[in-house]
């Protein structure tokens, strides 16, 4: 998704569907993992997707979760 809200496609043989445009302004929490999930930013889903793409290009991994979900409270299957 670019800054205008349009979905950018890559040349992958499979694709993960992105949320519909009406969810682009939904708030999410951006986390990274370092012995536990650490929240680093709250922002809109659209901006978080852009941040995730930028982090990927720099070899970093971040994950997005809904603001009302704390991944530290989930089972260790994510760790």
C-alpha atoms as a PDB file:
ATOM      1  CA  UNK A   1       0.000   0.000   0.000  1.00  0.00           C
ATOM      2  CA  UNK A   2       1.442   3.350  -0.924  1.00  0.00           C
ATOM      3  CA  UNK A   3       0.814   6.712   0.734  1.00  0.00           C
ATOM      4  CA  UNK A   4      -2.362   7.180  -1.332  1.00  0.00           C
ATOM      5  CA  UNK A   5      -3.856   3.964   0.030  1.00  0.00           C
ATOM      6  CA  UNK A   6      -3.373   2.016  -3.206  1.00  0.00           C
ATOM      7  CA  UNK A   7      -2.092  -1.526  -2.917  1.00  0.00           C
ATOM      8  CA  UNK A   8       1.279  -2.128  -4.532  1.00  0.00           C
ATOM      9  CA  UNK A   9       1.869  -5.614  -5.886  1.00  0.00           C
ATOM     10  CA  UNK A  10       5.182  -7.411  -6.086  1.00  0.00           C
ATOM     11  CA  UNK A  11       6.284 -10.214  -8.331  1.00  0.00           C
ATOM     12  CA  UNK A  12       5.609 -12.956  -5.783  1.00  0.00           C
ATOM     13  CA  UNK A  13       3.983 -16.180  -6.956  1.00  0.00           C
ATOM     14  CA  UNK A  14       1.502 -15.887  -4.073  1.00  0.00           C
ATOM     15  CA  UNK A  15      -0.045 -12.939  -2.350  1.00  0.00           C
ATOM     16  CA  UNK A  16      -1.460 -12.166   1.029  1.00  0.00           C
ATOM     17  CA  UNK A  17      -4.665 -10.141   0.772  1.00  0.00           C
ATOM     18  CA  UNK A  18      -4.361  -6.723   2.362  1.00  0.00           C
ATOM     19  CA  UNK A  19      -7.209  -5.270   4.408  1.00  0.00           C
ATOM     20  CA  UNK A  20      -9.923  -3.357   2.648  1.00  0.00           C
ATOM     21  CA  UNK A  21      -9.464   0.391   2.315  1.00  0.00           C
ATOM     22  CA  UNK A  22     -12.063   1.119   5.020  1.00  0.00           C
ATOM     23  CA  UNK A  23      -9.721  -0.503   7.581  1.00  0.00           C
ATOM     24  CA  UNK A  24      -6.663   1.560   6.600  1.00  0.00           C
ATOM     25  CA  UNK A  25      -7.270   4.045   9.425  1.00  0.00           C
ATOM     26  CA  UNK A  26      -7.806   1.355  12.096  1.00  0.00           C
ATOM     27  CA  UNK A  27      -5.254   1.634  14.898  1.00  0.00           C
ATOM     28  CA  UNK A  28      -2.674  -1.090  15.417  1.00  0.00           C
ATOM     29  CA  UNK A  29       0.379  -1.591  17.587  1.00  0.00           C
ATOM     30  CA  UNK A  30       3.763  -2.244  15.985  1.00  0.00           C
ATOM     31  CA  UNK A  31       5.910  -4.748  17.919  1.00  0.00           C
ATOM     32  CA  UNK A  32       9.345  -6.291  17.677  1.00  0.00           C
ATOM     33  CA  UNK A  33      10.544  -9.358  19.547  1.00  0.00           C
ATOM     34  CA  UNK A  34      13.479  -9.363  21.957  1.00  0.00           C
ATOM     35  CA  UNK A  35      12.931 -12.115  24.571  1.00  0.00           C
ATOM     36  CA  UNK A  36       9.367 -10.779  24.699  1.00  0.00           C
ATOM     37  CA  UNK A  37       7.080  -8.713  22.491  1.00  0.00           C
ATOM     38  CA  UNK A  38       7.963  -5.024  22.789  1.00  0.00           C
ATOM     39  CA  UNK A  39       5.492  -2.388  21.557  1.00  0.00           C
ATOM     40  CA  UNK A  40       7.263   0.378  19.666  1.00  0.00           C
ATOM     41  CA  UNK A  41       4.506   2.434  18.058  1.00  0.00           C
ATOM     42  CA  UNK A  42       0.762   2.932  17.726  1.00  0.00           C
ATOM     43  CA  UNK A  43      -0.437   4.043  14.308  1.00  0.00           C
ATOM     44  CA  UNK A  44      -3.004   3.459  11.583  1.00  0.00           C
ATOM     45  CA  UNK A  45      -2.953   0.141   9.764  1.00  0.00           C
ATOM     46  CA  UNK A  46      -2.088   1.868   6.487  1.00  0.00           C
ATOM     47  CA  UNK A  47       0.972   3.567   7.997  1.00  0.00           C
ATOM     48  CA  UNK A  48       1.948   0.382   9.833  1.00  0.00           C
ATOM     49  CA  UNK A  49       1.947  -1.586   6.563  1.00  0.00           C
ATOM     50  CA  UNK A  50       4.244   1.032   5.012  1.00  0.00           C
ATOM     51  CA  UNK A  51       6.503   0.851   8.087  1.00  0.00           C
ATOM     52  CA  UNK A  52       6.547  -2.956   7.879  1.00  0.00           C
ATOM     53  CA  UNK A  53       7.575  -2.819   4.213  1.00  0.00           C
ATOM     54  CA  UNK A  54      10.359  -0.325   4.975  1.00  0.00           C
ATOM     55  CA  UNK A  55      11.614  -2.444   7.884  1.00  0.00           C
ATOM     56  CA  UNK A  56      11.647  -5.518   5.621  1.00  0.00           C
ATOM     57  CA  UNK A  57      13.770  -3.678   3.059  1.00  0.00           C
ATOM     58  CA  UNK A  58      16.268  -2.894   5.831  1.00  0.00           C
ATOM     59  CA  UNK A  59      16.354  -6.525   6.995  1.00  0.00           C
ATOM     60  CA  UNK A  60      14.351  -5.853  10.155  1.00  0.00           C
ATOM     61  CA  UNK A  61      11.251  -7.705  11.286  1.00  0.00           C
ATOM     62  CA  UNK A  62       8.297  -6.070  12.987  1.00  0.00           C
ATOM     63  CA  UNK A  63       4.789  -7.395  13.494  1.00  0.00           C
ATOM     64  CA  UNK A  64       1.447  -5.626  13.711  1.00  0.00           C
ATOM     65  CA  UNK A  65      -1.252  -6.453  16.233  1.00  0.00           C
ATOM     66  CA  UNK A  66      -4.642  -4.913  17.027  1.00  0.00           C
ATOM     67  CA  UNK A  67      -4.370  -2.393  19.873  1.00  0.00           C
ATOM     68  CA  UNK A  68      -6.535  -4.551  22.143  1.00  0.00           C
ATOM     69  CA  UNK A  69      -4.328  -7.643  21.725  1.00  0.00           C
ATOM     70  CA  UNK A  70      -1.167  -8.084  23.780  1.00  0.00           C
ATOM     71  CA  UNK A  71       0.930 -10.845  22.168  1.00  0.00           C
ATOM     72  CA  UNK A  72       2.724 -11.349  25.494  1.00  0.00           C
ATOM     73  CA  UNK A  73      -0.540 -12.776  26.830  1.00  0.00           C
ATOM     74  CA  UNK A  74      -0.774 -15.389  24.057  1.00  0.00           C
ATOM     75  CA  UNK A  75       0.730 -18.862  24.109  1.00  0.00           C
ATOM     76  CA  UNK A  76       4.412 -19.248  23.295  1.00  0.00           C
ATOM     77  CA  UNK A  77       3.575 -20.513  19.812  1.00  0.00           C
ATOM     78  CA  UNK A  78       4.605 -17.122  18.386  1.00  0.00           C
ATOM     79  CA  UNK A  79       7.987 -17.060  20.143  1.00  0.00           C
END
